[in-house]
Amino acid sequence: MRKQTLPCYEVFTRKGETENMHCTTFEKEKARRSYHLHRALGHNPGLRVDGQELTITEADRLMQKKGA
């Protein structure tokens, strides 16, 4: 049986040429909380999964709660 690799989630914001990393984790729930916190604060966070940057729509869809 092969080991399963966990995706790496990175929550960040950009302002001009500066990028601030807010959260780097393998736990989706931790990334979801950080993403929604920064959305609520009006920071317009971005999300990368395994180094691939997602669009806002893709990030919102991925970070939704299960069953919501």
PDB file of N, CA and C in Angstrom:
ATOM      1  N   MET A   1       0.844  -1.175   0.000  1.00  0.00           N
ATOM      2  CA  MET A   1       0.000   0.000   0.000  1.00  0.00           C
ATOM      3  C   MET A   1       0.895   1.247   0.000  1.00  0.00           C
ATOM      4  N   ARG A   2       0.618   2.178  -0.926  1.00  0.00           N
ATOM      5  CA  ARG A   2       1.420   3.401  -1.032  1.00  0.00           C
ATOM      6  C   ARG A   2       1.036   4.406   0.030  1.00  0.00           C
ATOM      7  N   LYS A   3       2.025   5.168   0.473  1.00  0.00           N
ATOM      8  CA  LYS A   3       1.748   6.263   1.386  1.00  0.00           C
ATOM      9  C   LYS A   3       1.041   7.371   0.623  1.00  0.00           C
ATOM     10  N   GLN A   4       0.090   7.986   1.279  1.00  0.00           N
ATOM     11  CA  GLN A   4      -0.628   9.078   0.660  1.00  0.00           C
ATOM     12  C   GLN A   4       0.043  10.392   1.044  1.00  0.00           C
ATOM     13  N   THR A   5       0.273  11.260   0.084  1.00  0.00           N
ATOM     14  CA  THR A   5       0.880  12.545   0.383  1.00  0.00           C
ATOM     15  C   THR A   5      -0.212  13.570   0.658  1.00  0.00           C
ATOM     16  N   LEU A   6       0.043  14.431   1.626  1.00  0.00           N
ATOM     17  CA  LEU A   6      -0.912  15.466   1.974  1.00  0.00           C
ATOM     18  C   LEU A   6      -0.613  16.730   1.182  1.00  0.00           C
ATOM     19  N   PRO A   7      -1.658  17.419   0.730  1.00  0.00           N
ATOM     20  CA  PRO A   7      -1.411  18.672   0.025  1.00  0.00           C
ATOM     21  C   PRO A   7      -0.962  19.768   0.988  1.00  0.00           C
ATOM     22  N   CYS A   8      -0.121  20.660   0.505  1.00  0.00           N
ATOM     23  CA  CYS A   8       0.348  21.788   1.290  1.00  0.00           C
ATOM     24  C   CYS A   8      -0.486  23.013   0.914  1.00  0.00           C
ATOM     25  N   TYR A   9      -1.126  23.626   1.909  1.00  0.00           N
ATOM     26  CA  TYR A   9      -1.956  24.807   1.694  1.00  0.00           C
ATOM     27  C   TYR A   9      -1.192  26.038   2.157  1.00  0.00           C
ATOM     28  N   GLU A  10      -1.198  27.093   1.338  1.00  0.00           N
ATOM     29  CA  GLU A  10      -0.553  28.353   1.689  1.00  0.00           C
ATOM     30  C   GLU A  10      -1.559  29.482   1.513  1.00  0.00           C
ATOM     31  N   VAL A  11      -1.805  30.224   2.577  1.00  0.00           N
ATOM     32  CA  VAL A  11      -2.694  31.384   2.535  1.00  0.00           C
ATOM     33  C   VAL A  11      -1.804  32.625   2.591  1.00  0.00           C
ATOM     34  N   PHE A  12      -2.004  33.532   1.641  1.00  0.00           N
ATOM     35  CA  PHE A  12      -1.137  34.704   1.548  1.00  0.00           C
ATOM     36  C   PHE A  12      -1.917  35.912   1.045  1.00  0.00           C
ATOM     37  N   THR A  13      -1.328  37.092   1.210  1.00  0.00           N
ATOM     38  CA  THR A  13      -1.871  38.313   0.618  1.00  0.00           C
ATOM     39  C   THR A  13      -0.752  39.030  -0.118  1.00  0.00           C
ATOM     40  N   ARG A  14      -1.129  39.809  -1.115  1.00  0.00           N
ATOM     41  CA  ARG A  14      -0.174  40.607  -1.876  1.00  0.00           C
ATOM     42  C   ARG A  14      -0.583  42.071  -1.797  1.00  0.00           C
ATOM     43  N   LYS A  15       0.401  42.914  -1.619  1.00  0.00           N
ATOM     44  CA  LYS A  15       0.185  44.352  -1.656  1.00  0.00           C
ATOM     45  C   LYS A  15       1.354  44.935  -2.422  1.00  0.00           C
ATOM     46  N   GLY A  16       1.082  45.378  -3.633  1.00  0.00           N
ATOM     47  CA  GLY A  16       2.170  45.828  -4.494  1.00  0.00           C
ATOM     48  C   GLY A  16       3.043  44.646  -4.865  1.00  0.00           C
ATOM     49  N   GLU A  17       4.326  44.788  -4.625  1.00  0.00           N
ATOM     50  CA  GLU A  17       5.254  43.688  -4.917  1.00  0.00           C
ATOM     51  C   GLU A  17       5.544  42.836  -3.692  1.00  0.00           C
ATOM     52  N   THR A  18       4.924  43.182  -2.562  1.00  0.00           N
ATOM     53  CA  THR A  18       5.167  42.463  -1.315  1.00  0.00           C
ATOM     54  C   THR A  18       4.134  41.357  -1.131  1.00  0.00           C
ATOM     55  N   GLU A  19       4.600  40.177  -0.777  1.00  0.00           N
ATOM     56  CA  GLU A  19       3.707  39.058  -0.494  1.00  0.00           C
ATOM     57  C   GLU A  19       3.887  38.648   0.961  1.00  0.00           C
ATOM     58  N   ASN A  20       2.794  38.604   1.705  1.00  0.00           N
ATOM     59  CA  ASN A  20       2.828  38.184   3.108  1.00  0.00           C
ATOM     60  C   ASN A  20       2.201  36.802   3.237  1.00  0.00           C
ATOM     61  N   MET A  21       2.972  35.863   3.784  1.00  0.00           N
ATOM     62  CA  MET A  21       2.479  34.509   4.011  1.00  0.00           C
ATOM     63  C   MET A  21       1.816  34.465   5.387  1.00  0.00           C
ATOM     64  N   HIS A  22       0.556  34.076   5.434  1.00  0.00           N
ATOM     65  CA  HIS A  22      -0.181  34.035   6.693  1.00  0.00           C
ATOM     66  C   HIS A  22      -0.234  32.630   7.289  1.00  0.00           C
ATOM     67  N   CYS A  23      -0.272  31.636   6.431  1.00  0.00           N
ATOM     68  CA  CYS A  23      -0.428  30.276   6.941  1.00  0.00           C
ATOM     69  C   CYS A  23       0.129  29.292   5.910  1.00  0.00           C
ATOM     70  N   THR A  24       0.950  28.369   6.366  1.00  0.00           N
ATOM     71  CA  THR A  24       1.418  27.251   5.550  1.00  0.00           C
ATOM     72  C   THR A  24       1.177  26.000   6.367  1.00  0.00           C
ATOM     73  N   THR A  25       0.334  25.116   5.834  1.00  0.00           N
ATOM     74  CA  THR A  25      -0.064  23.943   6.614  1.00  0.00           C
ATOM     75  C   THR A  25      -0.462  22.782   5.713  1.00  0.00           C
ATOM     76  N   PHE A  26      -0.466  21.603   6.298  1.00  0.00           N
ATOM     77  CA  PHE A  26      -0.969  20.408   5.617  1.00  0.00           C
ATOM     78  C   PHE A  26      -2.398  20.105   6.052  1.00  0.00           C
ATOM     79  N   GLU A  27      -2.932  20.889   6.978  1.00  0.00           N
ATOM     80  CA  GLU A  27      -4.283  20.680   7.507  1.00  0.00           C
ATOM     81  C   GLU A  27      -5.258  21.608   6.800  1.00  0.00           C
ATOM     82  N   LYS A  28      -6.220  21.038   6.103  1.00  0.00           N
ATOM     83  CA  LYS A  28      -7.188  21.849   5.352  1.00  0.00           C
ATOM     84  C   LYS A  28      -8.012  22.730   6.282  1.00  0.00           C
ATOM     85  N   GLU A  29      -8.401  22.228   7.432  1.00  0.00           N
ATOM     86  CA  GLU A  29      -9.230  23.005   8.359  1.00  0.00           C
ATOM     87  C   GLU A  29      -8.485  24.248   8.861  1.00  0.00           C
ATOM     88  N   LYS A  30      -7.210  24.109   9.153  1.00  0.00           N
ATOM     89  CA  LYS A  30      -6.419  25.255   9.608  1.00  0.00           C
ATOM     90  C   LYS A  30      -6.306  26.293   8.484  1.00  0.00           C
ATOM     91  N   ALA A  31      -6.083  25.839   7.267  1.00  0.00           N
ATOM     92  CA  ALA A  31      -6.004  26.744   6.115  1.00  0.00           C
ATOM     93  C   ALA A  31      -7.349  27.420   5.889  1.00  0.00           C
ATOM     94  N   ARG A  32      -8.440  26.679   6.043  1.00  0.00           N
ATOM     95  CA  ARG A  32      -9.783  27.235   5.854  1.00  0.00           C
ATOM     96  C   ARG A  32     -10.055  28.358   6.847  1.00  0.00           C
ATOM     97  N   ARG A  33      -9.697  28.124   8.115  1.00  0.00           N
ATOM     98  CA  ARG A  33      -9.913  29.155   9.137  1.00  0.00           C
ATOM     99  C   ARG A  33      -9.101  30.408   8.839  1.00  0.00           C
ATOM    100  N   SER A  34      -7.844  30.236   8.460  1.00  0.00           N
ATOM    101  CA  SER A  34      -6.980  31.374   8.136  1.00  0.00           C
ATOM    102  C   SER A  34      -7.509  32.123   6.914  1.00  0.00           C
ATOM    103  N   TYR A  35      -7.920  31.392   5.893  1.00  0.00           N
ATOM    104  CA  TYR A  35      -8.445  31.992   4.668  1.00  0.00           C
ATOM    105  C   TYR A  35      -9.682  32.838   4.976  1.00  0.00           C
ATOM    106  N   HIS A  36     -10.628  32.267   5.732  1.00  0.00           N
ATOM    107  CA  HIS A  36     -11.863  32.998   6.046  1.00  0.00           C
ATOM    108  C   HIS A  36     -11.616  34.166   6.995  1.00  0.00           C
ATOM    109  N   LEU A  37     -10.670  34.048   7.892  1.00  0.00           N
ATOM    110  CA  LEU A  37     -10.327  35.157   8.777  1.00  0.00           C
ATOM    111  C   LEU A  37      -9.839  36.348   7.952  1.00  0.00           C
ATOM    112  N   HIS A  38      -8.937  36.097   7.027  1.00  0.00           N
ATOM    113  CA  HIS A  38      -8.386  37.185   6.227  1.00  0.00           C
ATOM    114  C   HIS A  38      -9.403  37.725   5.219  1.00  0.00           C
ATOM    115  N   ARG A  39     -10.329  36.887   4.765  1.00  0.00           N
ATOM    116  CA  ARG A  39     -11.427  37.377   3.922  1.00  0.00           C
ATOM    117  C   ARG A  39     -12.311  38.319   4.730  1.00  0.00           C
ATOM    118  N   ALA A  40     -12.630  37.931   5.963  1.00  0.00           N
ATOM    119  CA  ALA A  40     -13.488  38.749   6.822  1.00  0.00           C
ATOM    120  C   ALA A  40     -12.833  40.088   7.157  1.00  0.00           C
ATOM    121  N   LEU A  41     -11.514  40.101   7.269  1.00  0.00           N
ATOM    122  CA  LEU A  41     -10.788  41.334   7.563  1.00  0.00           C
ATOM    123  C   LEU A  41     -10.610  42.210   6.325  1.00  0.00           C
ATOM    124  N   GLY A  42     -11.017  41.705   5.165  1.00  0.00           N
ATOM    125  CA  GLY A  42     -10.931  42.475   3.935  1.00  0.00           C
ATOM    126  C   GLY A  42      -9.569  42.474   3.274  1.00  0.00           C
ATOM    127  N   HIS A  43      -8.752  41.471   3.569  1.00  0.00           N
ATOM    128  CA  HIS A  43      -7.396  41.415   3.034  1.00  0.00           C
ATOM    129  C   HIS A  43      -7.288  40.772   1.658  1.00  0.00           C
ATOM    130  N   ASN A  44      -8.363  40.188   1.146  1.00  0.00           N
ATOM    131  CA  ASN A  44      -8.348  39.499  -0.152  1.00  0.00           C
ATOM    132  C   ASN A  44      -7.213  38.485  -0.266  1.00  0.00           C
ATOM    133  N   PRO A  45      -7.258  37.423   0.546  1.00  0.00           N
ATOM    134  CA  PRO A  45      -6.168  36.437   0.533  1.00  0.00           C
ATOM    135  C   PRO A  45      -6.162  35.594  -0.737  1.00  0.00           C
ATOM    136  N   GLY A  46      -4.990  35.078  -1.038  1.00  0.00           N
ATOM    137  CA  GLY A  46      -4.836  34.115  -2.111  1.00  0.00           C
ATOM    138  C   GLY A  46      -4.577  32.752  -1.501  1.00  0.00           C
ATOM    139  N   LEU A  47      -4.693  31.723  -2.319  1.00  0.00           N
ATOM    140  CA  LEU A  47      -4.487  30.363  -1.826  1.00  0.00           C
ATOM    141  C   LEU A  47      -3.679  29.580  -2.844  1.00  0.00           C
ATOM    142  N   ARG A  48      -2.663  28.877  -2.344  1.00  0.00           N
ATOM    143  CA  ARG A  48      -1.892  27.950  -3.167  1.00  0.00           C
ATOM    144  C   ARG A  48      -2.046  26.560  -2.585  1.00  0.00           C
ATOM    145  N   VAL A  49      -2.182  25.595  -3.465  1.00  0.00           N
ATOM    146  CA  VAL A  49      -2.205  24.191  -3.050  1.00  0.00           C
ATOM    147  C   VAL A  49      -1.073  23.507  -3.797  1.00  0.00           C
ATOM    148  N   ASP A  50      -0.117  23.000  -3.037  1.00  0.00           N
ATOM    149  CA  ASP A  50       1.091  22.374  -3.607  1.00  0.00           C
ATOM    150  C   ASP A  50       1.791  23.295  -4.602  1.00  0.00           C
ATOM    151  N   GLY A  51       1.839  24.590  -4.277  1.00  0.00           N
ATOM    152  CA  GLY A  51       2.548  25.551  -5.109  1.00  0.00           C
ATOM    153  C   GLY A  51       1.754  26.128  -6.263  1.00  0.00           C
ATOM    154  N   GLN A  52       0.558  25.591  -6.518  1.00  0.00           N
ATOM    155  CA  GLN A  52      -0.266  26.077  -7.619  1.00  0.00           C
ATOM    156  C   GLN A  52      -1.279  27.088  -7.077  1.00  0.00           C
ATOM    157  N   GLU A  53      -1.218  28.315  -7.587  1.00  0.00           N
ATOM    158  CA  GLU A  53      -2.112  29.366  -7.118  1.00  0.00           C
ATOM    159  C   GLU A  53      -3.507  29.165  -7.708  1.00  0.00           C
ATOM    160  N   LEU A  54      -4.512  29.248  -6.842  1.00  0.00           N
ATOM    161  CA  LEU A  54      -5.893  29.081  -7.277  1.00  0.00           C
ATOM    162  C   LEU A  54      -6.534  30.434  -7.549  1.00  0.00           C
ATOM    163  N   THR A  55      -7.544  30.443  -8.411  1.00  0.00           N
ATOM    164  CA  THR A  55      -8.319  31.658  -8.621  1.00  0.00           C
ATOM    165  C   THR A  55      -9.184  31.892  -7.388  1.00  0.00           C
ATOM    166  N   ILE A  56      -9.755  33.075  -7.276  1.00  0.00           N
ATOM    167  CA  ILE A  56     -10.602  33.388  -6.131  1.00  0.00           C
ATOM    168  C   ILE A  56     -11.782  32.429  -6.056  1.00  0.00           C
ATOM    169  N   THR A  57     -12.402  32.154  -7.193  1.00  0.00           N
ATOM    170  CA  THR A  57     -13.547  31.238  -7.230  1.00  0.00           C
ATOM    171  C   THR A  57     -13.151  29.834  -6.785  1.00  0.00           C
ATOM    172  N   GLU A  58     -12.025  29.336  -7.289  1.00  0.00           N
ATOM    173  CA  GLU A  58     -11.550  28.002  -6.912  1.00  0.00           C
ATOM    174  C   GLU A  58     -11.218  27.946  -5.423  1.00  0.00           C
ATOM    175  N   ALA A  59     -10.575  28.995  -4.919  1.00  0.00           N
ATOM    176  CA  ALA A  59     -10.206  29.031  -3.498  1.00  0.00           C
ATOM    177  C   ALA A  59     -11.457  29.062  -2.618  1.00  0.00           C
ATOM    178  N   ASP A  60     -12.433  29.893  -2.971  1.00  0.00           N
ATOM    179  CA  ASP A  60     -13.686  29.958  -2.208  1.00  0.00           C
ATOM    180  C   ASP A  60     -14.389  28.605  -2.176  1.00  0.00           C
ATOM    181  N   ARG A  61     -14.429  27.950  -3.310  1.00  0.00           N
ATOM    182  CA  ARG A  61     -15.104  26.645  -3.409  1.00  0.00           C
ATOM    183  C   ARG A  61     -14.371  25.594  -2.563  1.00  0.00           C
ATOM    184  N   LEU A  62     -13.036  25.592  -2.630  1.00  0.00           N
ATOM    185  CA  LEU A  62     -12.246  24.605  -1.877  1.00  0.00           C
ATOM    186  C   LEU A  62     -12.338  24.835  -0.369  1.00  0.00           C
ATOM    187  N   MET A  63     -12.416  26.091   0.030  1.00  0.00           N
ATOM    188  CA  MET A  63     -12.401  26.422   1.455  1.00  0.00           C
ATOM    189  C   MET A  63     -13.785  26.457   2.100  1.00  0.00           C
ATOM    190  N   GLN A  64     -14.836  26.059   1.366  1.00  0.00           N
ATOM    191  CA  GLN A  64     -16.163  25.958   1.948  1.00  0.00           C
ATOM    192  C   GLN A  64     -16.204  24.801   2.935  1.00  0.00           C
ATOM    193  N   LYS A  65     -17.070  24.948   3.938  1.00  0.00           N
ATOM    194  CA  LYS A  65     -17.269  23.856   4.884  1.00  0.00           C
ATOM    195  C   LYS A  65     -17.973  22.695   4.200  1.00  0.00           C
ATOM    196  N   LYS A  66     -17.684  21.495   4.646  1.00  0.00           N
ATOM    197  CA  LYS A  66     -18.405  20.325   4.123  1.00  0.00           C
ATOM    198  C   LYS A  66     -19.864  20.427   4.492  1.00  0.00           C
ATOM    199  N   GLY A  67     -20.722  20.103   3.536  1.00  0.00           N
ATOM    200  CA  GLY A  67     -22.147  20.086   3.807  1.00  0.00           C
ATOM    201  C   GLY A  67     -22.801  21.459   3.795  1.00  0.00           C
ATOM    202  N   ALA A  68     -22.014  22.508   3.557  1.00  0.00           N
ATOM    203  CA  ALA A  68     -22.603  23.866   3.561  1.00  0.00           C
ATOM    204  C   ALA A  68     -22.999  24.264   2.162  1.00  0.00           C
TER     205      ALA A  68
END
